[in-house]
Amino acid sequence: MPEPTVALAADYFQSYSVVGLLAVVGVLFVAVAFGAGRLLRPVVPTPEKLLTYECGVDPVGEGWAHTQVRYYVYAFLYVIFAVDSIFLFPWATVFADPGYGATTLVEMFIFLGFLAVGLLYAYKKGVLSWT
């Protein structure tokens, strides 16, 4: 009769072997798809196909363009607060459950405090001023 720790270890590694097998199947699926695409597509390079293309306009001038960084900062701040607002909806449902009220309230105020510190930092750095 096997020892209980050996049986537990076997069950433990059995569950991870299923995950590993699924990962291998996923990698093989992607590799077969890319390989089939490479074998089935026609390869006829022409000067027009090798030309850089963007929105139907032929490229003129250099490839470098000056872009304002502040637009990326606004987008980054938007994404941060949009993703963080997604966390508020599950919190609201858990907050309504009995026994979780005070704990989830404290955790959410800590979470919102971190967001407020980040927003204050962005404000102090002048990121939020549109010039």
C-alpha atoms as a PDB file:
ATOM      1  CA  MET A   1       0.000   0.000   0.000  1.00  0.00           C
ATOM      2  CA  PRO A   2       1.539   3.360  -1.017  1.00  0.00           C
ATOM      3  CA  GLU A   3       2.138   6.029   1.548  1.00  0.00           C
ATOM      4  CA  PRO A   4      -0.369   8.911   1.674  1.00  0.00           C
ATOM      5  CA  THR A   5       2.285  11.500   0.751  1.00  0.00           C
ATOM      6  CA  VAL A   6       3.261   9.534  -2.367  1.00  0.00           C
ATOM      7  CA  ALA A   7      -0.404   9.303  -3.408  1.00  0.00           C
ATOM      8  CA  LEU A   8      -0.872  13.034  -2.838  1.00  0.00           C
ATOM      9  CA  ALA A   9       2.247  13.818  -4.874  1.00  0.00           C
ATOM     10  CA  ALA A  10       1.022  11.572  -7.697  1.00  0.00           C
ATOM     11  CA  ASP A  11      -2.338  13.363  -7.747  1.00  0.00           C
ATOM     12  CA  TYR A  12      -0.560  16.709  -7.634  1.00  0.00           C
ATOM     13  CA  PHE A  13       1.648  15.944 -10.621  1.00  0.00           C
ATOM     14  CA  GLN A  14      -1.260  14.281 -12.437  1.00  0.00           C
ATOM     15  CA  SER A  15      -3.183  17.556 -12.434  1.00  0.00           C
ATOM     16  CA  TYR A  16      -0.163  19.446 -13.752  1.00  0.00           C
ATOM     17  CA  SER A  17       0.445  16.851 -16.446  1.00  0.00           C
ATOM     18  CA  VAL A  18      -3.019  17.624 -17.829  1.00  0.00           C
ATOM     19  CA  VAL A  19      -2.140  21.329 -17.937  1.00  0.00           C
ATOM     20  CA  GLY A  20       1.208  20.543 -19.578  1.00  0.00           C
ATOM     21  CA  LEU A  21      -0.433  18.311 -22.165  1.00  0.00           C
ATOM     22  CA  LEU A  22      -2.965  21.023 -22.958  1.00  0.00           C
ATOM     23  CA  ALA A  23      -0.151  23.574 -23.375  1.00  0.00           C
ATOM     24  CA  VAL A  24       1.702  21.236 -25.753  1.00  0.00           C
ATOM     25  CA  VAL A  25      -1.467  20.672 -27.795  1.00  0.00           C
ATOM     26  CA  GLY A  26      -1.989  24.447 -27.979  1.00  0.00           C
ATOM     27  CA  VAL A  27       1.566  25.080 -29.154  1.00  0.00           C
ATOM     28  CA  LEU A  28       1.276  22.297 -31.750  1.00  0.00           C
ATOM     29  CA  PHE A  29      -2.033  23.708 -32.982  1.00  0.00           C
ATOM     30  CA  VAL A  30      -0.482  27.144 -33.527  1.00  0.00           C
ATOM     31  CA  ALA A  31       2.634  25.653 -35.165  1.00  0.00           C
ATOM     32  CA  VAL A  32       0.537  23.543 -37.562  1.00  0.00           C
ATOM     33  CA  ALA A  33      -1.631  26.555 -38.441  1.00  0.00           C
ATOM     34  CA  PHE A  34       1.396  28.745 -39.193  1.00  0.00           C
ATOM     35  CA  GLY A  35       3.109  25.941 -41.107  1.00  0.00           C
ATOM     36  CA  ALA A  36       0.012  25.287 -43.229  1.00  0.00           C
ATOM     37  CA  GLY A  37      -0.311  28.982 -43.970  1.00  0.00           C
ATOM     38  CA  ARG A  38       3.314  29.165 -45.033  1.00  0.00           C
ATOM     39  CA  LEU A  39       2.969  26.114 -47.307  1.00  0.00           C
ATOM     40  CA  LEU A  40      -0.343  27.121 -48.890  1.00  0.00           C
ATOM     41  CA  ARG A  41       0.175  30.818 -49.574  1.00  0.00           C
ATOM     42  CA  PRO A  42       1.585  31.996 -52.876  1.00  0.00           C
ATOM     43  CA  VAL A  43       4.988  33.691 -52.734  1.00  0.00           C
ATOM     44  CA  VAL A  44       5.293  36.197 -55.575  1.00  0.00           C
ATOM     45  CA  PRO A  45       7.374  39.163 -54.404  1.00  0.00           C
ATOM     46  CA  THR A  46       7.125  42.273 -56.555  1.00  0.00           C
ATOM     47  CA  PRO A  47       8.518  45.760 -55.943  1.00  0.00           C
ATOM     48  CA  GLU A  48       4.996  47.015 -55.187  1.00  0.00           C
ATOM     49  CA  LYS A  49       4.443  44.298 -52.577  1.00  0.00           C
ATOM     50  CA  LEU A  50       7.782  45.032 -50.907  1.00  0.00           C
ATOM     51  CA  LEU A  51       6.982  48.765 -50.637  1.00  0.00           C
ATOM     52  CA  THR A  52       5.912  50.084 -47.243  1.00  0.00           C
ATOM     53  CA  TYR A  53       2.151  50.589 -47.278  1.00  0.00           C
ATOM     54  CA  GLU A  54      -0.062  52.553 -44.958  1.00  0.00           C
ATOM     55  CA  CYS A  55      -3.650  53.568 -45.618  1.00  0.00           C
ATOM     56  CA  GLY A  56      -3.269  53.580 -49.387  1.00  0.00           C
ATOM     57  CA  VAL A  57      -0.749  56.432 -49.392  1.00  0.00           C
ATOM     58  CA  ASP A  58       2.709  55.908 -50.875  1.00  0.00           C
ATOM     59  CA  PRO A  59       5.455  56.627 -48.351  1.00  0.00           C
ATOM     60  CA  VAL A  60       7.183  59.964 -48.876  1.00  0.00           C
ATOM     61  CA  GLY A  61      10.104  61.279 -46.853  1.00  0.00           C
ATOM     62  CA  GLU A  62      11.690  59.695 -43.812  1.00  0.00           C
ATOM     63  CA  GLY A  63      10.067  57.069 -41.633  1.00  0.00           C
ATOM     64  CA  TRP A  64      10.579  59.053 -38.434  1.00  0.00           C
ATOM     65  CA  ALA A  65       7.873  61.450 -37.286  1.00  0.00           C
ATOM     66  CA  HIS A  66       7.639  63.557 -34.142  1.00  0.00           C
ATOM     67  CA  THR A  67       4.774  62.438 -31.920  1.00  0.00           C
ATOM     68  CA  GLN A  68       3.653  64.097 -28.736  1.00  0.00           C
ATOM     69  CA  VAL A  69       4.188  61.816 -25.760  1.00  0.00           C
ATOM     70  CA  ARG A  70       1.344  63.385 -23.799  1.00  0.00           C
ATOM     71  CA  TYR A  71      -1.248  61.646 -25.986  1.00  0.00           C
ATOM     72  CA  TYR A  72       0.177  58.288 -24.955  1.00  0.00           C
ATOM     73  CA  VAL A  73       0.116  59.366 -21.322  1.00  0.00           C
ATOM     74  CA  TYR A  74      -3.574  60.296 -21.591  1.00  0.00           C
ATOM     75  CA  ALA A  75      -4.321  56.968 -23.218  1.00  0.00           C
ATOM     76  CA  PHE A  76      -2.321  55.132 -20.567  1.00  0.00           C
ATOM     77  CA  LEU A  77      -4.141  56.910 -17.746  1.00  0.00           C
ATOM     78  CA  TYR A  78      -7.478  56.148 -19.396  1.00  0.00           C
ATOM     79  CA  VAL A  79      -6.643  52.450 -19.690  1.00  0.00           C
ATOM     80  CA  ILE A  80      -5.507  52.308 -16.062  1.00  0.00           C
ATOM     81  CA  PHE A  81      -8.711  53.873 -14.755  1.00  0.00           C
ATOM     82  CA  ALA A  82     -10.947  51.933 -17.148  1.00  0.00           C
ATOM     83  CA  VAL A  83      -9.437  48.621 -16.066  1.00  0.00           C
ATOM     84  CA  ASP A  84      -9.587  49.639 -12.420  1.00  0.00           C
ATOM     85  CA  SER A  85     -13.234  50.566 -12.751  1.00  0.00           C
ATOM     86  CA  ILE A  86     -13.883  47.002 -13.911  1.00  0.00           C
ATOM     87  CA  PHE A  87     -12.746  45.848 -10.465  1.00  0.00           C
ATOM     88  CA  LEU A  88     -15.448  47.959  -8.836  1.00  0.00           C
ATOM     89  CA  PHE A  89     -18.318  45.839 -10.190  1.00  0.00           C
ATOM     90  CA  PRO A  90     -17.262  42.510  -8.624  1.00  0.00           C
ATOM     91  CA  TRP A  91     -16.456  44.399  -5.448  1.00  0.00           C
ATOM     92  CA  ALA A  92     -20.002  45.758  -5.361  1.00  0.00           C
ATOM     93  CA  THR A  93     -21.487  42.261  -5.622  1.00  0.00           C
ATOM     94  CA  VAL A  94     -19.194  40.828  -2.937  1.00  0.00           C
ATOM     95  CA  PHE A  95     -19.885  43.831  -0.716  1.00  0.00           C
ATOM     96  CA  ALA A  96     -23.577  42.930  -0.763  1.00  0.00           C
ATOM     97  CA  ASP A  97     -22.933  39.390   0.534  1.00  0.00           C
ATOM     98  CA  PRO A  98     -23.312  38.905   4.288  1.00  0.00           C
ATOM     99  CA  GLY A  99     -20.071  38.701   6.225  1.00  0.00           C
ATOM    100  CA  TYR A 100     -17.913  40.497   3.665  1.00  0.00           C
ATOM    101  CA  GLY A 101     -19.057  44.081   4.147  1.00  0.00           C
ATOM    102  CA  ALA A 102     -16.394  45.612   6.401  1.00  0.00           C
ATOM    103  CA  THR A 103     -13.469  43.677   4.919  1.00  0.00           C
ATOM    104  CA  THR A 104     -14.280  44.477   1.307  1.00  0.00           C
ATOM    105  CA  LEU A 105     -15.004  48.096   2.186  1.00  0.00           C
ATOM    106  CA  VAL A 106     -11.556  48.515   3.742  1.00  0.00           C
ATOM    107  CA  GLU A 107      -9.866  46.703   0.848  1.00  0.00           C
ATOM    108  CA  MET A 108     -11.626  48.870  -1.733  1.00  0.00           C
ATOM    109  CA  PHE A 109     -10.691  52.077   0.059  1.00  0.00           C
ATOM    110  CA  ILE A 110      -7.062  50.924   0.083  1.00  0.00           C
ATOM    111  CA  PHE A 111      -7.365  50.180  -3.637  1.00  0.00           C
ATOM    112  CA  LEU A 112      -8.942  53.567  -4.350  1.00  0.00           C
ATOM    113  CA  GLY A 113      -6.230  55.183  -2.210  1.00  0.00           C
ATOM    114  CA  PHE A 114      -3.548  53.733  -4.480  1.00  0.00           C
ATOM    115  CA  LEU A 115      -5.454  55.093  -7.489  1.00  0.00           C
ATOM    116  CA  ALA A 116      -5.724  58.501  -5.844  1.00  0.00           C
ATOM    117  CA  VAL A 117      -1.971  58.537  -5.136  1.00  0.00           C
ATOM    118  CA  GLY A 118      -1.279  57.693  -8.805  1.00  0.00           C
ATOM    119  CA  LEU A 119      -3.647  60.419  -9.983  1.00  0.00           C
ATOM    120  CA  LEU A 120      -2.085  62.930  -7.582  1.00  0.00           C
ATOM    121  CA  TYR A 121       1.380  61.990  -8.878  1.00  0.00           C
ATOM    122  CA  ALA A 122       0.244  62.518 -12.477  1.00  0.00           C
ATOM    123  CA  TYR A 123      -1.284  65.874 -11.511  1.00  0.00           C
ATOM    124  CA  LYS A 124       1.913  67.004  -9.719  1.00  0.00           C
ATOM    125  CA  LYS A 125       4.016  66.033 -12.743  1.00  0.00           C
ATOM    126  CA  GLY A 126       1.797  68.208 -14.945  1.00  0.00           C
ATOM    127  CA  VAL A 127       0.608  65.316 -17.059  1.00  0.00           C
ATOM    128  CA  LEU A 128      -3.043  66.274 -16.775  1.00  0.00           C
ATOM    129  CA  SER A 129      -2.624  69.822 -18.086  1.00  0.00           C
ATOM    130  CA  TRP A 130      -3.522  70.153 -21.741  1.00  0.00           C
ATOM    131  CA  THR A 131      -1.232  72.664 -23.449  1.00  0.00           C
END
